[in-house]
Amino acid sequence: MTQQQLADQVGVTRQTVNAIEGGKYSPSLEVAFRIAHVFGKPLEEVFQFVAASGRRGRTREAAGS
């Protein structure tokens, strides 16, 4: 799935998806749930919270997990 396809399904821009993947932007809870729903996964399987680094919202895929 491309960033544009995900963005279209979730209702955000491709740039927003790119920023979320890169850990530069933390999505709202609503957007995070929409993304998880697109992939058919629970929220905690798609996103992780890393308070120490300040990089909230990184996807597990982008983080290398």
C-alpha atoms as a PDB file:
ATOM      1  CA  MET A   1       0.000   0.000   0.000  1.00  0.00           C
ATOM      2  CA  THR A   2       1.360   3.413  -0.882  1.00  0.00           C
ATOM      3  CA  GLN A   3       1.349   6.405   1.426  1.00  0.00           C
ATOM      4  CA  GLN A   4      -1.194   8.041  -0.884  1.00  0.00           C
ATOM      5  CA  GLN A   5      -3.515   5.032  -0.746  1.00  0.00           C
ATOM      6  CA  LEU A   6      -3.338   4.970   3.054  1.00  0.00           C
ATOM      7  CA  ALA A   7      -3.880   8.721   3.233  1.00  0.00           C
ATOM      8  CA  ASP A   8      -6.952   8.458   1.004  1.00  0.00           C
ATOM      9  CA  GLN A   9      -8.461   5.679   3.137  1.00  0.00           C
ATOM     10  CA  VAL A  10      -7.754   7.470   6.407  1.00  0.00           C
ATOM     11  CA  GLY A  11      -8.719  10.965   5.251  1.00  0.00           C
ATOM     12  CA  VAL A  12      -5.374  12.729   5.669  1.00  0.00           C
ATOM     13  CA  THR A  13      -2.691  13.938   3.271  1.00  0.00           C
ATOM     14  CA  ARG A  14       0.204  11.841   2.009  1.00  0.00           C
ATOM     15  CA  GLN A  15       2.507  14.296   3.771  1.00  0.00           C
ATOM     16  CA  THR A  16       0.772  13.521   7.075  1.00  0.00           C
ATOM     17  CA  VAL A  17       1.284   9.784   6.569  1.00  0.00           C
ATOM     18  CA  ASN A  18       4.941  10.436   5.741  1.00  0.00           C
ATOM     19  CA  ALA A  19       5.387  12.531   8.906  1.00  0.00           C
ATOM     20  CA  ILE A  20       3.715   9.863  11.065  1.00  0.00           C
ATOM     21  CA  GLU A  21       5.921   7.130   9.602  1.00  0.00           C
ATOM     22  CA  GLY A  22       9.007   9.246  10.177  1.00  0.00           C
ATOM     23  CA  GLY A  23       8.104   9.956  13.808  1.00  0.00           C
ATOM     24  CA  LYS A  24       7.829  13.684  13.133  1.00  0.00           C
ATOM     25  CA  TYR A  25       4.105  13.878  13.866  1.00  0.00           C
ATOM     26  CA  SER A  26       1.861  12.188  16.404  1.00  0.00           C
ATOM     27  CA  PRO A  27      -1.561  11.450  14.963  1.00  0.00           C
ATOM     28  CA  SER A  28      -4.754  12.154  16.833  1.00  0.00           C
ATOM     29  CA  LEU A  29      -6.291   9.132  18.501  1.00  0.00           C
ATOM     30  CA  GLU A  30      -9.006   9.110  15.831  1.00  0.00           C
ATOM     31  CA  VAL A  31      -6.467   9.041  12.981  1.00  0.00           C
ATOM     32  CA  ALA A  32      -4.401   6.387  14.770  1.00  0.00           C
ATOM     33  CA  PHE A  33      -7.484   4.170  15.092  1.00  0.00           C
ATOM     34  CA  ARG A  34      -8.353   4.731  11.427  1.00  0.00           C
ATOM     35  CA  ILE A  35      -4.853   3.672  10.373  1.00  0.00           C
ATOM     36  CA  ALA A  36      -5.000   0.566  12.561  1.00  0.00           C
ATOM     37  CA  HIS A  37      -8.423  -0.275  11.119  1.00  0.00           C
ATOM     38  CA  VAL A  38      -7.121  -0.040   7.539  1.00  0.00           C
ATOM     39  CA  PHE A  39      -4.490  -2.656   8.394  1.00  0.00           C
ATOM     40  CA  GLY A  40      -6.928  -4.794  10.396  1.00  0.00           C
ATOM     41  CA  LYS A  41      -4.712  -4.606  13.476  1.00  0.00           C
ATOM     42  CA  PRO A  42      -5.202  -3.444  17.065  1.00  0.00           C
ATOM     43  CA  LEU A  43      -3.878   0.045  17.745  1.00  0.00           C
ATOM     44  CA  GLU A  44      -1.023  -1.242  19.921  1.00  0.00           C
ATOM     45  CA  GLU A  45       0.239  -3.437  17.070  1.00  0.00           C
ATOM     46  CA  VAL A  46       0.522  -0.470  14.722  1.00  0.00           C
ATOM     47  CA  PHE A  47       1.741   2.256  17.084  1.00  0.00           C
ATOM     48  CA  GLN A  48       4.041   2.382  20.063  1.00  0.00           C
ATOM     49  CA  PHE A  49       4.541   5.087  22.658  1.00  0.00           C
ATOM     50  CA  VAL A  50       8.140   6.051  23.380  1.00  0.00           C
ATOM     51  CA  ALA A  51       8.129   8.827  25.972  1.00  0.00           C
ATOM     52  CA  ALA A  52      11.888   9.054  26.550  1.00  0.00           C
ATOM     53  CA  SER A  53      12.784  10.009  22.983  1.00  0.00           C
ATOM     54  CA  GLY A  54       9.766  12.233  22.507  1.00  0.00           C
ATOM     55  CA  ARG A  55       8.917  10.394  19.287  1.00  0.00           C
ATOM     56  CA  ARG A  56       5.332   9.425  19.902  1.00  0.00           C
ATOM     57  CA  GLY A  57       3.295   8.015  17.083  1.00  0.00           C
ATOM     58  CA  ARG A  58       6.000   6.101  15.226  1.00  0.00           C
ATOM     59  CA  THR A  59       4.643   3.057  13.517  1.00  0.00           C
ATOM     60  CA  ARG A  60       6.252  -0.210  14.491  1.00  0.00           C
ATOM     61  CA  GLU A  61       7.191  -0.721  10.842  1.00  0.00           C
ATOM     62  CA  ALA A  62       8.951   2.646  10.687  1.00  0.00           C
ATOM     63  CA  ALA A  63      10.661   1.901  13.982  1.00  0.00           C
ATOM     64  CA  GLY A  64      11.953  -1.401  12.645  1.00  0.00           C
ATOM     65  CA  SER A  65       9.959  -3.682  14.956  1.00  0.00           C
END
